[in-house]
């Protein structure tokens, strides 16, 4: 790889799209661009904007592109199965579209897995063998990194933390979907429904609006961490996303609640919040770099 090479990392979100150009060796951020996604226009319009922004930010020495997307990506075909916040994305081969347009190798991955990968390699989870990243934002996502490698599972869906059942059949509000998944309890969307007096993720847990909700959220987070502990035995769990970042003042309280649910002889994982301000796009760039060396 050229010593002056750069890699483009993209975080395609339902609300905003963030791109950054990184030094391929040092991962120093050399340039960046953030713009509204305007997802309501549909996938075709979003894709056209994305290609244009990639053209604008890429350099002559750019050697690869990594893209994090807010949805499910098949590990074998690399096609998007679904992006709930971007209509019309089902079955899209975004990787092939970008590769054809740029002439560069492209890696595409779920954005929460990109977050987990970056935090595991160069963020809060650096130095830990088994890292679980959990993003609590509009939805709930996750990623599993073992010995510096992203773990996909048999079909590419490992780490879909939001679809784990927290209270089966008992969501915290009336819903057609009564699965009682973690996303129905702990996403920003869900907490907004549960705490109608709050306007931001921090307010779900602070002040008068969040007073009654806070103990419940800590208990639910402890349940989620307990399940992840016994399924994966991670050494650290890193929270991200707007709600995940708002947990930082309460980590000790969550740890205290966790001790109530873990068996006495169990070793709890470290619980912390992510430290990178660009984890999803940096993780996408790191995955692209890793793919080029394999």
Protein backbone atom coordinates (compact mmCIF):
# COMPACT_ATOMS: atom_id res chain seq x y z
CA UNK A 1 0.00 0.00 0.00
CA UNK A 2 1.27 3.48 -0.88
CA UNK A 3 2.72 5.15 2.22
CA UNK A 4 0.69 8.28 1.42
CA UNK A 5 -2.54 6.38 0.78
CA UNK A 6 -5.90 7.44 2.19
CA UNK A 7 -9.10 5.54 2.95
CA UNK A 8 -12.57 7.03 2.88
CA UNK A 9 -14.90 6.11 5.73
CA UNK A 10 -18.65 6.73 5.49
CA UNK A 11 -21.39 6.62 8.12
CA UNK A 12 -24.68 6.60 6.22
CA UNK A 13 -27.44 7.42 8.70
CA UNK A 14 -31.15 7.97 8.35
CA UNK A 15 -30.78 11.56 9.59
CA UNK A 16 -27.26 12.56 8.55
CA UNK A 17 -24.39 11.18 6.50
CA UNK A 18 -20.84 11.69 7.72
CA UNK A 19 -17.76 11.07 5.60
CA UNK A 20 -14.08 11.31 6.55
CA UNK A 21 -10.81 10.84 4.72
CA UNK A 22 -8.19 9.00 6.80
CA UNK A 23 -4.49 8.39 6.44
CA UNK A 24 -4.38 4.67 5.66
CA UNK A 25 -1.45 4.03 8.02
CA UNK A 26 -2.08 6.29 10.99
CA UNK A 27 -5.86 6.74 10.66
CA UNK A 28 -5.35 10.48 11.12
CA UNK A 29 -8.48 12.29 9.95
CA UNK A 30 -7.45 14.52 7.06
CA UNK A 31 -10.82 15.85 5.86
CA UNK A 32 -14.49 15.37 6.61
CA UNK A 33 -17.99 16.25 5.48
CA UNK A 34 -21.37 15.98 7.24
CA UNK A 35 -24.68 16.53 5.45
CA UNK A 36 -28.37 15.75 5.95
CA UNK A 37 -29.45 12.41 4.50
CA UNK A 38 -33.06 13.47 3.80
CA UNK A 39 -33.98 9.79 3.82
CA UNK A 40 -37.65 10.46 3.11
CA UNK A 41 -36.70 11.04 -0.54
CA UNK A 42 -35.92 7.34 -0.88
CA UNK A 43 -32.85 5.24 -1.48
CA UNK A 44 -32.18 6.27 -5.10
CA UNK A 45 -31.84 9.94 -4.15
CA UNK A 46 -29.74 9.10 -1.07
CA UNK A 47 -27.42 6.92 -3.17
CA UNK A 48 -26.96 9.68 -5.78
CA UNK A 49 -26.04 12.17 -3.04
CA UNK A 50 -23.64 9.69 -1.46
CA UNK A 51 -21.79 9.06 -4.72
CA UNK A 52 -21.48 12.79 -5.28
CA UNK A 53 -20.08 13.35 -1.78
CA UNK A 54 -17.60 10.50 -2.20
CA UNK A 55 -16.40 12.13 -5.42
CA UNK A 56 -16.01 15.46 -3.63
CA UNK A 57 -14.03 14.13 -0.67
CA UNK A 58 -11.88 11.37 -2.16
CA UNK A 59 -8.29 12.16 -3.07
CA UNK A 60 -6.03 10.96 -5.84
CA UNK A 61 -4.33 8.68 -3.31
CA UNK A 62 -7.56 7.15 -1.96
CA UNK A 63 -7.25 3.36 -2.17
CA UNK A 64 -10.48 2.06 -0.60
CA UNK A 65 -13.91 3.01 0.74
CA UNK A 66 -15.63 1.68 3.86
CA UNK A 67 -19.33 2.31 4.43
CA UNK A 68 -21.43 1.80 7.54
CA UNK A 69 -25.18 1.56 6.91
CA UNK A 70 -28.17 1.62 9.30
CA UNK A 71 -29.49 -1.84 8.52
CA UNK A 72 -28.82 -5.51 7.91
CA UNK A 73 -26.12 -6.54 5.44
CA UNK A 74 -25.70 -10.14 4.29
CA UNK A 75 -22.20 -11.38 5.03
CA UNK A 76 -22.08 -13.60 1.94
CA UNK A 77 -23.53 -11.32 -0.78
CA UNK A 78 -22.84 -7.95 0.90
CA UNK A 79 -26.29 -6.82 -0.20
CA UNK A 80 -28.48 -4.70 2.04
CA UNK A 81 -31.38 -6.73 3.41
CA UNK A 82 -33.12 -3.73 4.91
CA UNK A 83 -32.51 -0.16 6.01
CA UNK A 84 -35.69 0.73 7.94
CA UNK A 85 -35.03 4.49 7.89
CA UNK A 86 -34.25 4.72 4.16
CA UNK A 87 -37.21 3.60 2.00
CA UNK A 88 -36.45 1.46 -1.04
CA UNK A 89 -33.07 0.13 0.10
CA UNK A 90 -34.12 -3.52 0.38
CA UNK A 91 -31.84 -5.79 -1.65
CA UNK A 92 -29.64 -2.92 -2.82
CA UNK A 93 -26.06 -3.74 -3.81
CA UNK A 94 -24.59 -0.48 -2.54
CA UNK A 95 -21.09 -1.94 -2.39
CA UNK A 96 -21.15 -2.76 -6.10
CA UNK A 97 -22.63 0.66 -6.93
CA UNK A 98 -19.82 2.50 -5.14
CA UNK A 99 -17.11 0.17 -6.47
CA UNK A 100 -18.32 0.66 -10.05
CA UNK A 101 -18.56 4.41 -9.63
CA UNK A 102 -15.15 4.89 -7.98
CA UNK A 103 -13.11 1.98 -9.32
CA UNK A 104 -12.01 1.28 -5.74
CA UNK A 105 -12.44 -1.72 -3.42
CA UNK A 106 -15.41 -1.17 -1.09
CA UNK A 107 -16.42 -2.72 2.22
CA UNK A 108 -19.99 -2.30 3.48
CA UNK A 109 -21.09 -3.16 7.01
CA UNK A 110 -23.77 -2.40 9.56
CA UNK A 111 -23.03 0.92 11.28
CA UNK A 112 -23.22 -0.48 14.83
CA UNK A 113 -20.64 -3.12 13.91
CA UNK A 114 -18.43 -0.35 12.52
CA UNK A 115 -18.78 1.46 15.86
CA UNK A 116 -17.84 -1.68 17.77
CA UNK A 117 -14.84 -2.37 15.52
CA UNK A 118 -13.39 1.12 15.92
CA UNK A 119 -13.89 1.21 19.68
CA UNK A 120 -12.34 -2.25 19.98
CA UNK A 121 -9.23 -1.46 17.95
CA UNK A 122 -8.48 2.19 18.76
CA UNK A 123 -11.10 3.32 21.29
CA UNK A 124 -12.42 2.40 24.71
CA UNK A 125 -12.04 -1.35 24.09
CA UNK A 126 -8.42 -1.24 22.93
CA UNK A 127 -6.41 -4.01 24.58
CA UNK A 128 -9.44 -6.22 25.30
CA UNK A 129 -9.80 -9.61 23.59
CA UNK A 130 -13.59 -9.79 23.49
CA UNK A 131 -15.41 -6.51 22.97
CA UNK A 132 -19.16 -5.97 22.57
CA UNK A 133 -20.32 -2.60 21.27
CA UNK A 134 -23.92 -1.56 21.86
CA UNK A 135 -25.40 1.50 20.18
CA UNK A 136 -28.47 3.05 21.77
CA UNK A 137 -29.83 5.64 19.38
CA UNK A 138 -32.87 5.77 17.12
CA UNK A 139 -32.68 1.97 17.36
CA UNK A 140 -30.46 -0.48 19.22
CA UNK A 141 -27.55 -2.12 17.41
CA UNK A 142 -24.40 -3.95 18.28
CA UNK A 143 -21.21 -5.64 17.20
CA UNK A 144 -18.87 -8.30 18.53
CA UNK A 145 -15.10 -8.09 18.08
CA UNK A 146 -12.94 -11.07 19.06
CA UNK A 147 -9.14 -10.87 18.84
CA UNK A 148 -9.35 -7.86 16.56
CA UNK A 149 -11.81 -9.47 14.13
CA UNK A 150 -15.46 -8.62 13.67
CA UNK A 151 -17.59 -11.68 14.45
CA UNK A 152 -20.48 -12.18 12.01
CA UNK A 153 -21.86 -15.56 13.04
CA UNK A 154 -23.14 -18.22 10.65
CA UNK A 155 -25.30 -15.90 8.53
CA UNK A 156 -23.97 -12.45 9.31
CA UNK A 157 -26.44 -11.42 12.01
CA UNK A 158 -24.31 -11.82 15.15
CA UNK A 159 -24.47 -8.73 17.34
CA UNK A 160 -28.05 -7.75 16.53
CA UNK A 161 -28.51 -6.78 20.17
CA UNK A 162 -31.67 -4.76 19.56
CA UNK A 163 -33.59 -7.86 18.51
CA UNK A 164 -32.73 -9.81 21.65
CA UNK A 165 -35.82 -10.32 23.80
CA UNK A 166 -35.72 -8.35 27.03
CA UNK A 167 -39.26 -9.04 28.30
CA UNK A 168 -40.88 -11.45 25.83
CA UNK A 169 -44.46 -10.52 25.05
CA UNK A 170 -44.38 -7.46 27.32
CA UNK A 171 -43.24 -4.30 25.54
CA UNK A 172 -43.40 -1.16 27.72
CA UNK A 173 -46.14 0.43 25.60
CA UNK A 174 -48.98 -0.72 23.36
CA UNK A 175 -47.56 -1.97 20.07
CA UNK A 176 -48.54 -4.28 17.22
CA UNK A 177 -45.18 -5.95 17.71
CA UNK A 178 -45.27 -7.51 21.17
CA UNK A 179 -41.86 -9.22 21.08
CA UNK A 180 -40.54 -7.17 23.98
CA UNK A 181 -37.15 -6.70 22.34
CA UNK A 182 -34.31 -4.59 23.72
CA UNK A 183 -35.00 -1.99 21.05
CA UNK A 184 -38.56 -1.57 22.33
CA UNK A 185 -37.19 -0.68 25.75
CA UNK A 186 -33.85 1.05 25.31
CA UNK A 187 -33.75 2.86 21.96
CA UNK A 188 -34.10 6.62 21.89
CA UNK A 189 -37.39 6.16 20.06
CA UNK A 190 -38.71 3.88 22.80
CA UNK A 191 -37.47 6.06 25.66
CA UNK A 192 -39.12 9.07 24.03
CA UNK A 193 -42.42 7.20 24.13
CA UNK A 194 -41.86 6.12 27.72
CA UNK A 195 -40.80 9.59 28.93
CA UNK A 196 -43.01 12.03 27.06
CA UNK A 197 -41.85 15.03 29.08
CA UNK A 198 -38.27 14.72 27.85
CA UNK A 199 -36.90 16.24 24.66
CA UNK A 200 -33.37 14.81 24.48
CA UNK A 201 -31.70 11.49 25.41
CA UNK A 202 -30.07 13.09 28.46
CA UNK A 203 -33.48 14.23 29.72
CA UNK A 204 -34.77 10.65 29.67
CA UNK A 205 -32.52 10.09 32.67
CA UNK A 206 -32.36 13.55 34.26
CA UNK A 207 -34.69 15.93 36.02
CA UNK A 208 -38.32 15.49 36.84
CA UNK A 209 -39.23 13.85 33.53
CA UNK A 210 -36.78 10.97 33.96
CA UNK A 211 -36.96 10.40 37.72
CA UNK A 212 -39.33 7.45 37.63
CA UNK A 213 -37.92 5.98 34.42
CA UNK A 214 -34.26 5.94 35.44
CA UNK A 215 -34.34 2.94 37.85
CA UNK A 216 -36.24 0.90 35.27
CA UNK A 217 -33.73 1.72 32.55
CA UNK A 218 -30.79 0.75 34.77
CA UNK A 219 -32.50 -2.57 35.55
CA UNK A 220 -33.22 -3.25 31.88
CA UNK A 221 -29.65 -2.42 30.92
CA UNK A 222 -28.42 -4.79 33.62
CA UNK A 223 -30.63 -7.55 32.16
CA UNK A 224 -29.18 -6.91 28.72
CA UNK A 225 -25.60 -6.93 30.02
CA UNK A 226 -26.31 -10.12 31.99
CA UNK A 227 -27.50 -11.89 28.83
CA UNK A 228 -24.48 -10.68 26.85
CA UNK A 229 -22.16 -11.74 29.67
CA UNK A 230 -23.39 -15.32 29.75
CA UNK A 231 -23.65 -15.63 25.96
CA UNK A 232 -20.28 -14.11 25.02
CA UNK A 233 -18.22 -13.53 28.19
CA UNK A 234 -16.92 -10.16 26.95
CA UNK A 235 -14.18 -8.40 28.86
CA UNK A 236 -15.75 -5.02 28.06
CA UNK A 237 -19.07 -3.66 26.79
CA UNK A 238 -18.92 -0.23 25.14
CA UNK A 239 -22.07 1.87 24.79
CA UNK A 240 -22.53 4.41 22.02
CA UNK A 241 -25.25 6.38 20.29
CA UNK A 242 -27.12 9.36 21.70
CA UNK A 243 -28.67 7.41 24.56
CA UNK A 244 -25.52 5.37 25.15
CA UNK A 245 -23.43 8.52 25.61
CA UNK A 246 -26.02 9.87 28.07
CA UNK A 247 -25.33 6.85 30.31
CA UNK A 248 -21.84 8.05 31.23
CA UNK A 249 -22.80 9.66 34.60
CA UNK A 250 -24.69 6.52 35.62
CA UNK A 251 -22.25 3.69 34.89
CA UNK A 252 -21.66 2.93 38.59
CA UNK A 253 -25.39 2.69 39.21
CA UNK A 254 -25.78 0.29 36.29
CA UNK A 255 -22.85 -1.79 37.58
CA UNK A 256 -24.48 -1.92 41.01
CA UNK A 257 -27.74 -3.15 39.47
CA UNK A 258 -25.81 -5.67 37.39
CA UNK A 259 -24.33 -7.31 40.48
CA UNK A 260 -27.87 -8.13 41.58
CA UNK A 261 -28.51 -10.23 38.45
CA UNK A 262 -25.17 -11.92 37.86
CA UNK A 263 -24.33 -15.08 39.77
CA UNK A 264 -22.09 -14.33 42.74
CA UNK A 265 -19.12 -16.20 41.25
CA UNK A 266 -19.36 -14.47 37.86
CA UNK A 267 -16.85 -11.86 36.74
CA UNK A 268 -18.72 -8.86 35.30
CA UNK A 269 -17.41 -7.15 32.17
CA UNK A 270 -16.17 -3.60 32.25
CA UNK A 271 -19.01 -1.26 31.27
CA UNK A 272 -18.10 2.01 29.64
CA UNK A 273 -19.03 4.53 26.94
CA UNK A 274 -17.27 5.00 23.64
CA UNK A 275 -14.55 7.64 23.36
CA UNK A 276 -14.41 8.21 19.59
CA UNK A 277 -16.39 11.03 17.99
CA UNK A 278 -16.29 9.33 14.59
CA UNK A 279 -16.47 5.65 15.53
CA UNK A 280 -18.82 4.43 12.77
CA UNK A 281 -16.96 6.01 9.84
CA UNK A 282 -13.55 5.27 11.41
CA UNK A 283 -14.64 1.66 11.90
CA UNK A 284 -15.75 1.46 8.26
CA UNK A 285 -12.33 2.76 7.18
CA UNK A 286 -10.58 0.27 9.46
CA UNK A 287 -12.60 -2.60 7.98
CA UNK A 288 -11.69 -1.45 4.48
CA UNK A 289 -8.01 -1.34 5.46
CA UNK A 290 -8.22 -4.78 7.04
CA UNK A 291 -9.84 -6.23 3.91
CA UNK A 292 -6.98 -4.93 1.75
CA UNK A 293 -4.36 -6.75 3.86
CA UNK A 294 -6.11 -10.11 4.09
